[in-house]
Amino acid sequence: MYAESETAWCGCAGCGSVAELPAEETAGVDVPCPDCTKPMNEMWSWDTAA
């Protein structure tokens, strides 16, 4: 099933891990990397197709 909200693709500068996260829940929040605990940075985001 496709998400009904904006999605953000985030990456960790510390270890290179990437993750697809819900943009509205992570906006303005430092999300820790699950592998090394450094903060993940938003690389890009997109809206669900209409």
N, C-alpha and C. Protein backbone atom coordinates (compact mmCIF):
# COMPACT_ATOMS: atom_id res chain seq x y z
N MET A 1 0.84 -1.18 0.00
CA MET A 1 0.00 0.00 0.00
C MET A 1 0.89 1.24 0.00
N TYR A 2 0.50 2.24 -0.74
CA TYR A 2 1.27 3.48 -0.84
C TYR A 2 0.91 4.42 0.29
N ALA A 3 1.88 5.22 0.71
CA ALA A 3 1.66 6.21 1.76
C ALA A 3 0.72 7.29 1.26
N GLU A 4 -0.03 7.88 2.18
CA GLU A 4 -0.97 8.93 1.81
C GLU A 4 -0.44 10.31 2.15
N SER A 5 0.81 10.42 2.53
CA SER A 5 1.40 11.70 2.89
C SER A 5 2.78 11.81 2.28
N GLU A 6 3.40 12.97 2.48
CA GLU A 6 4.74 13.20 1.94
C GLU A 6 5.76 12.27 2.60
N THR A 7 6.70 11.81 1.80
CA THR A 7 7.74 10.89 2.27
C THR A 7 9.09 11.55 2.10
N ALA A 8 9.99 11.33 3.04
CA ALA A 8 11.34 11.88 2.98
C ALA A 8 12.35 10.74 2.90
N TRP A 9 13.35 10.92 2.05
CA TRP A 9 14.45 9.96 1.94
C TRP A 9 15.61 10.57 2.71
N CYS A 10 16.07 9.88 3.75
CA CYS A 10 17.11 10.41 4.63
C CYS A 10 18.37 9.56 4.56
N GLY A 11 19.51 10.20 4.77
CA GLY A 11 20.78 9.49 4.76
C GLY A 11 21.64 9.90 5.94
N CYS A 12 22.48 9.00 6.37
CA CYS A 12 23.39 9.26 7.50
C CYS A 12 24.78 9.57 6.96
N ALA A 13 25.32 10.71 7.35
CA ALA A 13 26.67 11.09 6.93
C ALA A 13 27.73 10.26 7.66
N GLY A 14 27.37 9.71 8.82
CA GLY A 14 28.32 8.94 9.61
C GLY A 14 28.64 7.57 9.03
N CYS A 15 27.60 6.83 8.64
CA CYS A 15 27.83 5.46 8.18
C CYS A 15 27.27 5.16 6.79
N GLY A 16 26.49 6.09 6.23
CA GLY A 16 25.97 5.90 4.88
C GLY A 16 24.63 5.19 4.79
N SER A 17 24.01 4.87 5.91
CA SER A 17 22.70 4.23 5.89
C SER A 17 21.67 5.18 5.29
N VAL A 18 20.65 4.62 4.64
CA VAL A 18 19.56 5.42 4.09
C VAL A 18 18.24 4.85 4.58
N ALA A 19 17.22 5.72 4.66
CA ALA A 19 15.90 5.29 5.12
C ALA A 19 14.82 6.16 4.51
N GLU A 20 13.68 5.58 4.27
CA GLU A 20 12.50 6.28 3.79
C GLU A 20 11.62 6.50 5.02
N LEU A 21 11.36 7.78 5.35
CA LEU A 21 10.63 8.12 6.57
C LEU A 21 9.44 9.02 6.26
N PRO A 22 8.39 9.01 7.10
CA PRO A 22 7.27 9.92 6.91
C PRO A 22 7.70 11.35 7.19
N ALA A 23 7.62 12.23 6.20
CA ALA A 23 8.14 13.60 6.31
C ALA A 23 7.44 14.41 7.39
N GLU A 24 6.12 14.27 7.54
CA GLU A 24 5.43 15.10 8.52
C GLU A 24 5.79 14.72 9.95
N GLU A 25 6.17 13.49 10.20
CA GLU A 25 6.55 13.06 11.55
C GLU A 25 8.00 13.40 11.89
N THR A 26 8.84 13.60 10.88
CA THR A 26 10.27 13.83 11.13
C THR A 26 10.70 15.27 10.85
N ALA A 27 9.79 16.12 10.38
CA ALA A 27 10.13 17.51 10.07
C ALA A 27 10.59 18.25 11.32
N GLY A 28 11.77 18.84 11.25
CA GLY A 28 12.30 19.62 12.36
C GLY A 28 12.83 18.79 13.52
N VAL A 29 12.96 17.48 13.33
CA VAL A 29 13.42 16.58 14.39
C VAL A 29 14.71 15.91 13.95
N ASP A 30 15.69 15.84 14.84
CA ASP A 30 16.91 15.08 14.54
C ASP A 30 16.60 13.60 14.73
N VAL A 31 16.51 12.89 13.63
CA VAL A 31 16.24 11.45 13.69
C VAL A 31 17.57 10.73 13.77
N PRO A 32 17.79 9.94 14.83
CA PRO A 32 19.06 9.23 14.95
C PRO A 32 19.13 8.05 13.99
N CYS A 33 20.30 7.81 13.47
CA CYS A 33 20.54 6.67 12.59
C CYS A 33 20.40 5.39 13.42
N PRO A 34 19.69 4.38 12.89
CA PRO A 34 19.54 3.13 13.65
C PRO A 34 20.84 2.33 13.74
N ASP A 35 21.82 2.64 12.88
CA ASP A 35 23.06 1.88 12.88
C ASP A 35 24.18 2.50 13.72
N CYS A 36 24.27 3.86 13.70
CA CYS A 36 25.39 4.48 14.41
C CYS A 36 24.96 5.61 15.35
N THR A 37 23.69 5.94 15.42
CA THR A 37 23.08 6.96 16.28
C THR A 37 23.43 8.41 15.92
N LYS A 38 24.17 8.66 14.82
CA LYS A 38 24.38 10.04 14.38
C LYS A 38 23.09 10.51 13.71
N PRO A 39 22.83 11.83 13.63
CA PRO A 39 21.59 12.30 13.02
C PRO A 39 21.54 12.04 11.51
N MET A 40 20.35 11.68 11.04
CA MET A 40 20.13 11.47 9.61
C MET A 40 19.69 12.79 8.99
N ASN A 41 20.09 13.05 7.75
CA ASN A 41 19.74 14.27 7.03
C ASN A 41 18.79 13.95 5.90
N GLU A 42 17.78 14.82 5.72
CA GLU A 42 16.85 14.64 4.61
C GLU A 42 17.57 14.91 3.30
N MET A 43 17.52 13.95 2.39
CA MET A 43 18.17 14.09 1.09
C MET A 43 17.19 14.65 0.06
N TRP A 44 15.96 14.16 0.06
CA TRP A 44 14.89 14.68 -0.79
C TRP A 44 13.57 14.16 -0.28
N SER A 45 12.47 14.74 -0.75
CA SER A 45 11.14 14.30 -0.36
C SER A 45 10.22 14.37 -1.57
N TRP A 46 9.09 13.68 -1.49
CA TRP A 46 8.14 13.67 -2.59
C TRP A 46 6.74 13.46 -2.03
N ASP A 47 5.75 13.89 -2.81
CA ASP A 47 4.35 13.72 -2.46
C ASP A 47 3.82 12.46 -3.14
N THR A 48 2.78 11.90 -2.56
CA THR A 48 2.13 10.74 -3.15
C THR A 48 1.46 11.16 -4.45
N ALA A 49 1.51 10.31 -5.45
CA ALA A 49 0.86 10.61 -6.74
C ALA A 49 -0.64 10.72 -6.54
N ALA A 50 -1.23 11.62 -7.28
CA ALA A 50 -2.69 11.85 -7.17
C ALA A 50 -3.46 10.73 -7.82
